[in-house]
PDB file of N, CA and C in Angstrom:
ATOM      1  N   MET A   1      62.120 104.641 169.270  1.00  0.00           N
ATOM      2  CA  MET A   1      61.817 104.136 169.899  1.00  0.00           C
ATOM      3  C   MET A   1      61.145 103.790 171.209  1.00  0.00           C
ATOM      4  N   LYS A   2      60.439 103.296 171.794  1.00  0.00           N
ATOM      5  CA  LYS A   2      59.324 102.927 172.857  1.00  0.00           C
ATOM      6  C   LYS A   2      60.245 102.721 174.264  1.00  0.00           C
ATOM      7  N   PRO A   3      60.196 103.599 175.074  1.00  0.00           N
ATOM      8  CA  PRO A   3      60.767 103.166 176.461  1.00  0.00           C
ATOM      9  C   PRO A   3      60.301 102.223 177.046  1.00  0.00           C
ATOM     10  N   THR A   4      61.024 101.328 177.690  1.00  0.00           N
ATOM     11  CA  THR A   4      61.125 100.035 178.568  1.00  0.00           C
ATOM     12  C   THR A   4      60.074 100.323 179.396  1.00  0.00           C
ATOM     13  N   ASP A   5      59.421  99.413 180.461  1.00  0.00           N
ATOM     14  CA  ASP A   5      58.657  99.336 181.576  1.00  0.00           C
ATOM     15  C   ASP A   5      59.974  99.770 182.949  1.00  0.00           C
ATOM     16  N   PHE A   6      60.693  99.376 182.554  1.00  0.00           N
ATOM     17  CA  PHE A   6      61.767  99.310 183.483  1.00  0.00           C
ATOM     18  C   PHE A   6      62.316 101.409 183.331  1.00  0.00           C
ATOM     19  N   ALA A   7      62.759 101.308 182.718  1.00  0.00           N
ATOM     20  CA  ALA A   7      62.945 103.539 181.769  1.00  0.00           C
ATOM     21  C   ALA A   7      61.361 103.622 182.543  1.00  0.00           C
ATOM     22  N   LYS A   8      60.276 104.163 181.771  1.00  0.00           N
ATOM     23  CA  LYS A   8      59.693 104.839 182.310  1.00  0.00           C
ATOM     24  C   LYS A   8      59.548 105.030 184.454  1.00  0.00           C
ATOM     25  N   TYR A   9      59.160 103.215 184.602  1.00  0.00           N
ATOM     26  CA  TYR A   9      59.231 103.227 186.489  1.00  0.00           C
ATOM     27  C   TYR A   9      60.311 104.393 186.884  1.00  0.00           C
ATOM     28  N   LEU A  10      61.892 103.875 185.980  1.00  0.00           N
ATOM     29  CA  LEU A  10      62.515 104.592 186.845  1.00  0.00           C
ATOM     30  C   LEU A  10      62.621 106.291 186.482  1.00  0.00           C
ATOM     31  N   THR A  11      62.380 106.849 185.505  1.00  0.00           N
ATOM     32  CA  THR A  11      61.800 108.311 185.217  1.00  0.00           C
ATOM     33  C   THR A  11      61.327 108.555 186.466  1.00  0.00           C
ATOM     34  N   GLU A  12      60.143 108.372 186.244  1.00  0.00           N
ATOM     35  CA  GLU A  12      59.282 108.583 187.953  1.00  0.00           C
ATOM     36  C   GLU A  12      59.262 108.329 188.563  1.00  0.00           C
ATOM     37  N   PHE A  13      60.030 107.853 189.606  1.00  0.00           N
ATOM     38  CA  PHE A  13      60.660 107.072 190.575  1.00  0.00           C
ATOM     39  C   PHE A  13      61.429 108.186 190.871  1.00  0.00           C
ATOM     40  N   LEU A  14      62.311 108.871 190.048  1.00  0.00           N
ATOM     41  CA  LEU A  14      63.587 109.579 190.110  1.00  0.00           C
ATOM     42  C   LEU A  14      62.772 111.411 190.066  1.00  0.00           C
ATOM     43  N   SER A  15      62.271 110.915 189.304  1.00  0.00           N
ATOM     44  CA  SER A  15      61.294 112.931 189.263  1.00  0.00           C
ATOM     45  C   SER A  15      60.216 112.794 189.361  1.00  0.00           C
ATOM     46  N   VAL A  16      59.261 112.034 189.960  1.00  0.00           N
ATOM     47  CA  VAL A  16      58.193 112.031 190.651  1.00  0.00           C
ATOM     48  C   VAL A  16      58.050 111.780 192.023  1.00  0.00           C
ATOM     49  N   TYR A  17      58.583 110.345 192.337  1.00  0.00           N
ATOM     50  CA  TYR A  17      58.023 109.485 193.520  1.00  0.00           C
ATOM     51  C   TYR A  17      58.813 109.723 194.549  1.00  0.00           C
ATOM     52  N   LEU A  18      59.864 110.295 194.258  1.00  0.00           N
ATOM     53  CA  LEU A  18      61.276 110.894 195.323  1.00  0.00           C
ATOM     54  C   LEU A  18      61.403 111.880 196.269  1.00  0.00           C
ATOM     55  N   PRO A  19      60.971 112.417 195.494  1.00  0.00           N
ATOM     56  CA  PRO A  19      61.136 113.976 195.339  1.00  0.00           C
ATOM     57  C   PRO A  19      59.902 115.233 195.668  1.00  0.00           C
ATOM     58  N   ASN A  20      59.100 114.548 195.554  1.00  0.00           N
ATOM     59  CA  ASN A  20      57.148 114.613 195.668  1.00  0.00           C
ATOM     60  C   ASN A  20      56.292 113.956 196.480  1.00  0.00           C
ATOM     61  N   GLN A  21      56.650 113.019 196.706  1.00  0.00           N
ATOM     62  CA  GLN A  21      55.711 111.779 198.069  1.00  0.00           C
ATOM     63  C   GLN A  21      56.719 111.433 199.016  1.00  0.00           C
ATOM     64  N   LYS A  22      58.281 111.442 197.933  1.00  0.00           N
ATOM     65  CA  LYS A  22      59.006 111.136 199.766  1.00  0.00           C
ATOM     66  C   LYS A  22      59.828 112.082 200.231  1.00  0.00           C
ATOM     67  N   ASN A  23      59.425 113.215 199.631  1.00  0.00           N
ATOM     68  CA  ASN A  23      60.216 114.825 199.660  1.00  0.00           C
ATOM     69  C   ASN A  23      61.558 114.809 200.324  1.00  0.00           C
ATOM     70  N   VAL A  24      62.194 114.060 199.847  1.00  0.00           N
ATOM     71  CA  VAL A  24      63.756 113.929 199.605  1.00  0.00           C
ATOM     72  C   VAL A  24      65.322 114.404 199.096  1.00  0.00           C
ATOM     73  N   SER A  25      66.355 114.244 199.520  1.00  0.00           N
ATOM     74  CA  SER A  25      67.092 116.232 199.064  1.00  0.00           C
ATOM     75  C   SER A  25      67.491 115.316 197.948  1.00  0.00           C
ATOM     76  N   LYS A  26      68.146 116.363 197.436  1.00  0.00           N
ATOM     77  CA  LYS A  26      68.679 116.577 195.438  1.00  0.00           C
ATOM     78  C   LYS A  26      69.881 115.069 196.005  1.00  0.00           C
ATOM     79  N   ASN A  27      70.752 114.772 196.852  1.00  0.00           N
ATOM     80  CA  ASN A  27      71.788 114.369 196.936  1.00  0.00           C
ATOM     81  C   ASN A  27      71.395 112.849 196.916  1.00  0.00           C
ATOM     82  N   THR A  28      69.739 111.899 197.477  1.00  0.00           N
ATOM     83  CA  THR A  28      69.496 111.222 197.922  1.00  0.00           C
ATOM     84  C   THR A  28      69.038 110.518 195.993  1.00  0.00           C
ATOM     85  N   ILE A  29      68.328 111.348 195.771  1.00  0.00           N
ATOM     86  CA  ILE A  29      68.143 111.429 194.682  1.00  0.00           C
ATOM     87  C   ILE A  29      69.396 111.231 193.854  1.00  0.00           C
ATOM     88  N   TYR A  30      70.112 111.356 193.975  1.00  0.00           N
ATOM     89  CA  TYR A  30      71.360 111.237 192.865  1.00  0.00           C
ATOM     90  C   TYR A  30      72.624 110.215 193.722  1.00  0.00           C
ATOM     91  N   SER A  31      72.300 109.955 195.256  1.00  0.00           N
ATOM     92  CA  SER A  31      72.796 108.225 194.824  1.00  0.00           C
ATOM     93  C   SER A  31      71.610 107.290 194.067  1.00  0.00           C
ATOM     94  N   TYR A  32      70.294 107.806 194.835  1.00  0.00           N
ATOM     95  CA  TYR A  32      70.266 106.435 193.261  1.00  0.00           C
ATOM     96  C   TYR A  32      69.389 106.626 192.185  1.00  0.00           C
ATOM     97  N   ARG A  33      70.484 107.502 191.945  1.00  0.00           N
ATOM     98  CA  ARG A  33      70.072 107.817 190.341  1.00  0.00           C
ATOM     99  C   ARG A  33      71.198 107.372 190.232  1.00  0.00           C
ATOM    100  N   ASP A  34      72.690 107.704 191.120  1.00  0.00           N
ATOM    101  CA  ASP A  34      73.861 106.533 190.433  1.00  0.00           C
ATOM    102  C   ASP A  34      73.829 105.678 190.700  1.00  0.00           C
ATOM    103  N   THR A  35      73.241 104.649 191.641  1.00  0.00           N
ATOM    104  CA  THR A  35      72.982 103.368 191.455  1.00  0.00           C
ATOM    105  C   THR A  35      72.494 102.352 190.505  1.00  0.00           C
ATOM    106  N   PHE A  36      71.813 103.235 190.099  1.00  0.00           N
ATOM    107  CA  PHE A  36      70.532 102.736 189.174  1.00  0.00           C
ATOM    108  C   PHE A  36      71.555 103.033 187.560  1.00  0.00           C
ATOM    109  N   LYS A  37      72.607 103.953 187.627  1.00  0.00           N
ATOM    110  CA  LYS A  37      72.916 104.115 186.340  1.00  0.00           C
ATOM    111  C   LYS A  37      74.323 102.856 186.516  1.00  0.00           C
ATOM    112  N   ILE A  38      74.898 101.998 187.880  1.00  0.00           N
ATOM    113  CA  ILE A  38      75.673 101.024 187.896  1.00  0.00           C
ATOM    114  C   ILE A  38      74.923 100.059 187.641  1.00  0.00           C
ATOM    115  N   LEU A  39      74.330 100.009 187.522  1.00  0.00           N
ATOM    116  CA  LEU A  39      73.119  98.529 187.631  1.00  0.00           C
ATOM    117  C   LEU A  39      73.286  98.670 186.204  1.00  0.00           C
ATOM    118  N   ILE A  40      72.733  99.292 185.887  1.00  0.00           N
ATOM    119  CA  ILE A  40      72.266  99.622 183.613  1.00  0.00           C
ATOM    120  C   ILE A  40      73.691  99.653 182.927  1.00  0.00           C
ATOM    121  N   THR A  41      74.210  99.605 183.795  1.00  0.00           N
ATOM    122  CA  THR A  41      75.881  99.501 182.974  1.00  0.00           C
ATOM    123  C   THR A  41      76.669  98.211 183.349  1.00  0.00           C
ATOM    124  N   TYR A  42      76.436  97.550 184.783  1.00  0.00           N
ATOM    125  CA  TYR A  42      76.684  95.727 184.980  1.00  0.00           C
ATOM    126  C   TYR A  42      75.636  94.953 184.005  1.00  0.00           C
ATOM    127  N   CYS A  43      74.218  95.259 183.734  1.00  0.00           N
ATOM    128  CA  CYS A  43      73.483  94.680 183.002  1.00  0.00           C
ATOM    129  C   CYS A  43      73.786  94.311 182.019  1.00  0.00           C
ATOM    130  N   GLN A  44      74.345  95.931 181.342  1.00  0.00           N
ATOM    131  CA  GLN A  44      75.116  95.954 179.649  1.00  0.00           C
ATOM    132  C   GLN A  44      76.671  95.074 179.468  1.00  0.00           C
ATOM    133  N   ASP A  45      77.455  95.456 180.854  1.00  0.00           N
ATOM    134  CA  ASP A  45      78.438  94.791 180.595  1.00  0.00           C
ATOM    135  C   ASP A  45      78.905  93.561 180.887  1.00  0.00           C
ATOM    136  N   MET A  46      78.252  92.821 181.646  1.00  0.00           N
ATOM    137  CA  MET A  46      78.613  91.460 182.423  1.00  0.00           C
ATOM    138  C   MET A  46      77.894  90.795 182.087  1.00  0.00           C
ATOM    139  N   LYS A  47      76.199  91.502 182.200  1.00  0.00           N
ATOM    140  CA  LYS A  47      75.248  89.876 181.647  1.00  0.00           C
ATOM    141  C   LYS A  47      74.575  90.200 180.065  1.00  0.00           C
ATOM    142  N   MET A  48      75.613  91.382 179.421  1.00  0.00           N
ATOM    143  CA  MET A  48      75.168  91.612 177.895  1.00  0.00           C
ATOM    144  C   MET A  48      73.704  91.658 177.683  1.00  0.00           C
ATOM    145  N   ILE A  49      72.909  92.838 178.608  1.00  0.00           N
ATOM    146  CA  ILE A  49      71.785  92.801 177.921  1.00  0.00           C
ATOM    147  C   ILE A  49      71.451  94.018 178.249  1.00  0.00           C
ATOM    148  N   PRO A  50      71.543  94.783 176.445  1.00  0.00           N
ATOM    149  CA  PRO A  50      71.290  95.805 175.596  1.00  0.00           C
ATOM    150  C   PRO A  50      70.819  96.547 176.261  1.00  0.00           C
ATOM    151  N   VAL A  51      70.980  98.358 176.761  1.00  0.00           N
ATOM    152  CA  VAL A  51      69.780  99.062 177.871  1.00  0.00           C
ATOM    153  C   VAL A  51      68.042  98.697 177.351  1.00  0.00           C
ATOM    154  N   GLU A  52      68.811  98.701 175.989  1.00  0.00           N
ATOM    155  CA  GLU A  52      67.098  98.787 175.459  1.00  0.00           C
ATOM    156  C   GLU A  52      66.517  98.015 175.839  1.00  0.00           C
ATOM    157  N   ARG A  53      66.393  96.113 176.312  1.00  0.00           N
ATOM    158  CA  ARG A  53      66.213  95.099 176.531  1.00  0.00           C
ATOM    159  C   ARG A  53      65.915  95.178 178.292  1.00  0.00           C
ATOM    160  N   ILE A  54      66.209  95.799 178.853  1.00  0.00           N
ATOM    161  CA  ILE A  54      66.398  95.869 180.119  1.00  0.00           C
ATOM    162  C   ILE A  54      64.596  96.593 180.529  1.00  0.00           C
ATOM    163  N   THR A  55      64.149  95.640 180.937  1.00  0.00           N
ATOM    164  CA  THR A  55      62.216  95.426 181.023  1.00  0.00           C
ATOM    165  C   THR A  55      62.161  95.048 183.109  1.00  0.00           C
ATOM    166  N   LEU A  56      61.011  95.097 183.559  1.00  0.00           N
ATOM    167  CA  LEU A  56      61.328  94.531 184.834  1.00  0.00           C
ATOM    168  C   LEU A  56      61.012  93.034 185.050  1.00  0.00           C
ATOM    169  N   ASN A  57      61.027  92.112 184.125  1.00  0.00           N
ATOM    170  CA  ASN A  57      61.176  91.208 184.077  1.00  0.00           C
ATOM    171  C   ASN A  57      62.884  90.669 184.206  1.00  0.00           C
ATOM    172  N   VAL A  58      63.247  91.520 183.068  1.00  0.00           N
ATOM    173  CA  VAL A  58      64.430  90.968 183.506  1.00  0.00           C
ATOM    174  C   VAL A  58      65.310  91.260 184.452  1.00  0.00           C
ATOM    175  N   LEU A  59      65.525  92.397 185.782  1.00  0.00           N
ATOM    176  CA  LEU A  59      65.538  92.471 186.921  1.00  0.00           C
ATOM    177  C   LEU A  59      64.955  91.254 188.107  1.00  0.00           C
ATOM    178  N   SER A  60      65.387  90.200 187.978  1.00  0.00           N
ATOM    179  CA  SER A  60      65.669  89.166 188.285  1.00  0.00           C
ATOM    180  C   SER A  60      66.242  89.023 189.759  1.00  0.00           C
ATOM    181  N   ASN A  61      65.637  88.411 190.422  1.00  0.00           N
ATOM    182  CA  ASN A  61      65.836  88.250 192.008  1.00  0.00           C
ATOM    183  C   ASN A  61      67.323  88.288 192.178  1.00  0.00           C
ATOM    184  N   GLU A  62      67.807  86.918 190.942  1.00  0.00           N
ATOM    185  CA  GLU A  62      68.953  86.422 190.372  1.00  0.00           C
ATOM    186  C   GLU A  62      70.362  87.538 189.618  1.00  0.00           C
ATOM    187  N   LEU A  63      69.560  88.482 188.883  1.00  0.00           N
ATOM    188  CA  LEU A  63      70.162  89.353 188.646  1.00  0.00           C
ATOM    189  C   LEU A  63      70.325  90.479 189.806  1.00  0.00           C
ATOM    190  N   ILE A  64      69.894  90.219 190.555  1.00  0.00           N
ATOM    191  CA  ILE A  64      70.272  91.905 191.725  1.00  0.00           C
ATOM    192  C   ILE A  64      70.837  91.335 192.365  1.00  0.00           C
ATOM    193  N   THR A  65      71.140  89.431 193.171  1.00  0.00           N
ATOM    194  CA  THR A  65      72.352  89.111 194.099  1.00  0.00           C
ATOM    195  C   THR A  65      72.898  89.363 193.234  1.00  0.00           C
ATOM    196  N   ASP A  66      73.524  88.968 191.777  1.00  0.00           N
ATOM    197  CA  ASP A  66      74.802  89.060 191.485  1.00  0.00           C
ATOM    198  C   ASP A  66      75.378  90.280 191.025  1.00  0.00           C
ATOM    199  N   PHE A  67      74.582  91.316 190.731  1.00  0.00           N
ATOM    200  CA  PHE A  67      74.857  91.962 190.845  1.00  0.00           C
ATOM    201  C   PHE A  67      74.976  93.040 192.141  1.00  0.00           C
ATOM    202  N   LEU A  68      74.361  92.674 193.483  1.00  0.00           N
ATOM    203  CA  LEU A  68      75.211  93.140 194.749  1.00  0.00           C
ATOM    204  C   LEU A  68      76.871  92.112 195.204  1.00  0.00           C
ATOM    205  N   GLU A  69      76.315  90.994 194.441  1.00  0.00           N
ATOM    206  CA  GLU A  69      77.846  90.743 195.160  1.00  0.00           C
ATOM    207  C   GLU A  69      79.090  90.834 194.259  1.00  0.00           C
ATOM    208  N   TRP A  70      78.745  91.250 192.858  1.00  0.00           N
ATOM    209  CA  TRP A  70      79.353  92.271 192.341  1.00  0.00           C
ATOM    210  C   TRP A  70      80.218  93.315 192.571  1.00  0.00           C
ATOM    211  N   LEU A  71      78.759  93.673 193.092  1.00  0.00           N
ATOM    212  CA  LEU A  71      79.647  95.244 193.691  1.00  0.00           C
ATOM    213  C   LEU A  71      80.463  95.396 195.476  1.00  0.00           C
ATOM    214  N   GLU A  72      80.412  94.120 195.203  1.00  0.00           N
ATOM    215  CA  GLU A  72      81.239  93.705 196.600  1.00  0.00           C
ATOM    216  C   GLU A  72      82.693  92.736 196.409  1.00  0.00           C
ATOM    217  N   THR A  73      82.687  92.252 195.195  1.00  0.00           N
ATOM    218  CA  THR A  73      83.944  91.411 194.835  1.00  0.00           C
ATOM    219  C   THR A  73      84.816  92.297 194.265  1.00  0.00           C
ATOM    220  N   SER A  74      83.750  92.785 193.299  1.00  0.00           N
ATOM    221  CA  SER A  74      84.394  93.384 192.241  1.00  0.00           C
ATOM    222  C   SER A  74      84.961  95.197 192.380  1.00  0.00           C
ATOM    223  N   ARG A  75      84.179  95.635 192.668  1.00  0.00           N
ATOM    224  CA  ARG A  75      84.217  97.052 193.139  1.00  0.00           C
ATOM    225  C   ARG A  75      84.128  97.598 194.408  1.00  0.00           C
ATOM    226  N   LYS A  76      84.567  96.575 195.016  1.00  0.00           N
ATOM    227  CA  LYS A  76      84.944  96.209 196.765  1.00  0.00           C
ATOM    228  C   LYS A  76      83.987  96.870 197.550  1.00  0.00           C
ATOM    229  N   TYR A  77      82.714  97.291 196.915  1.00  0.00           N
ATOM    230  CA  TYR A  77      81.892  98.149 198.196  1.00  0.00           C
ATOM    231  C   TYR A  77      81.157  97.137 199.060  1.00  0.00           C
ATOM    232  N   SER A  78      81.042  97.867 200.255  1.00  0.00           N
ATOM    233  CA  SER A  78      80.710  97.205 201.862  1.00  0.00           C
ATOM    234  C   SER A  78      78.982  97.835 201.917  1.00  0.00           C
ATOM    235  N   ILE A  79      78.579  97.380 202.937  1.00  0.00           N
ATOM    236  CA  ILE A  79      77.157  98.134 203.978  1.00  0.00           C
ATOM    237  C   ILE A  79      77.872  98.831 204.877  1.00  0.00           C
ATOM    238  N   SER A  80      77.899  99.756 205.011  1.00  0.00           N
ATOM    239  CA  SER A  80      78.150 100.389 206.006  1.00  0.00           C
ATOM    240  C   SER A  80      77.051 100.208 207.566  1.00  0.00           C
ATOM    241  N   VAL A  81      78.302 100.590 208.047  1.00  0.00           N
ATOM    242  CA  VAL A  81      77.100 100.041 209.982  1.00  0.00           C
ATOM    243  C   VAL A  81      78.072 101.584 210.701  1.00  0.00           C
ATOM    244  N   TYR A  82      77.160 102.374 211.043  1.00  0.00           N
ATOM    245  CA  TYR A  82      77.237 103.123 212.375  1.00  0.00           C
ATOM    246  C   TYR A  82      76.389 102.939 213.164  1.00  0.00           C
ATOM    247  N   LEU A  83      77.448 102.764 214.559  1.00  0.00           N
ATOM    248  CA  LEU A  83      77.626 103.360 215.516  1.00  0.00           C
ATOM    249  C   LEU A  83      76.846 103.830 216.503  1.00  0.00           C
ATOM    250  N   GLN A  84      76.330 104.009 217.415  1.00  0.00           N
ATOM    251  CA  GLN A  84      76.367 105.139 217.734  1.00  0.00           C
ATOM    252  C   GLN A  84      77.034 105.125 218.886  1.00  0.00           C
TER     253      GLN A  84
END
C-alpha cells in the first residue's frame, strides 16, 4: 500500500525536519509524535476515517477544530499558562 501524503510528510517532519533543521530534543519529538497519534486515533474512532485514508485534504480546519474541542471536553486537556 502506498503511504498517503499525510503519512509521508509526518514521517519527514518527525524524522528529518525537527531533529535536523530545528535541532529539537528527543522529548519534543516524542511529544509531537504522541499528539499526532492521538489525532490519528481521533480520526479513526470519532470520525470513522481509516488511517490509510487520512490525507492532508482530510485534515481540514473543521476537523482540527473538532479535534481540539474533543481534547478539551473528552480528554480534559487544557492550555498551560506559565507565569513568571
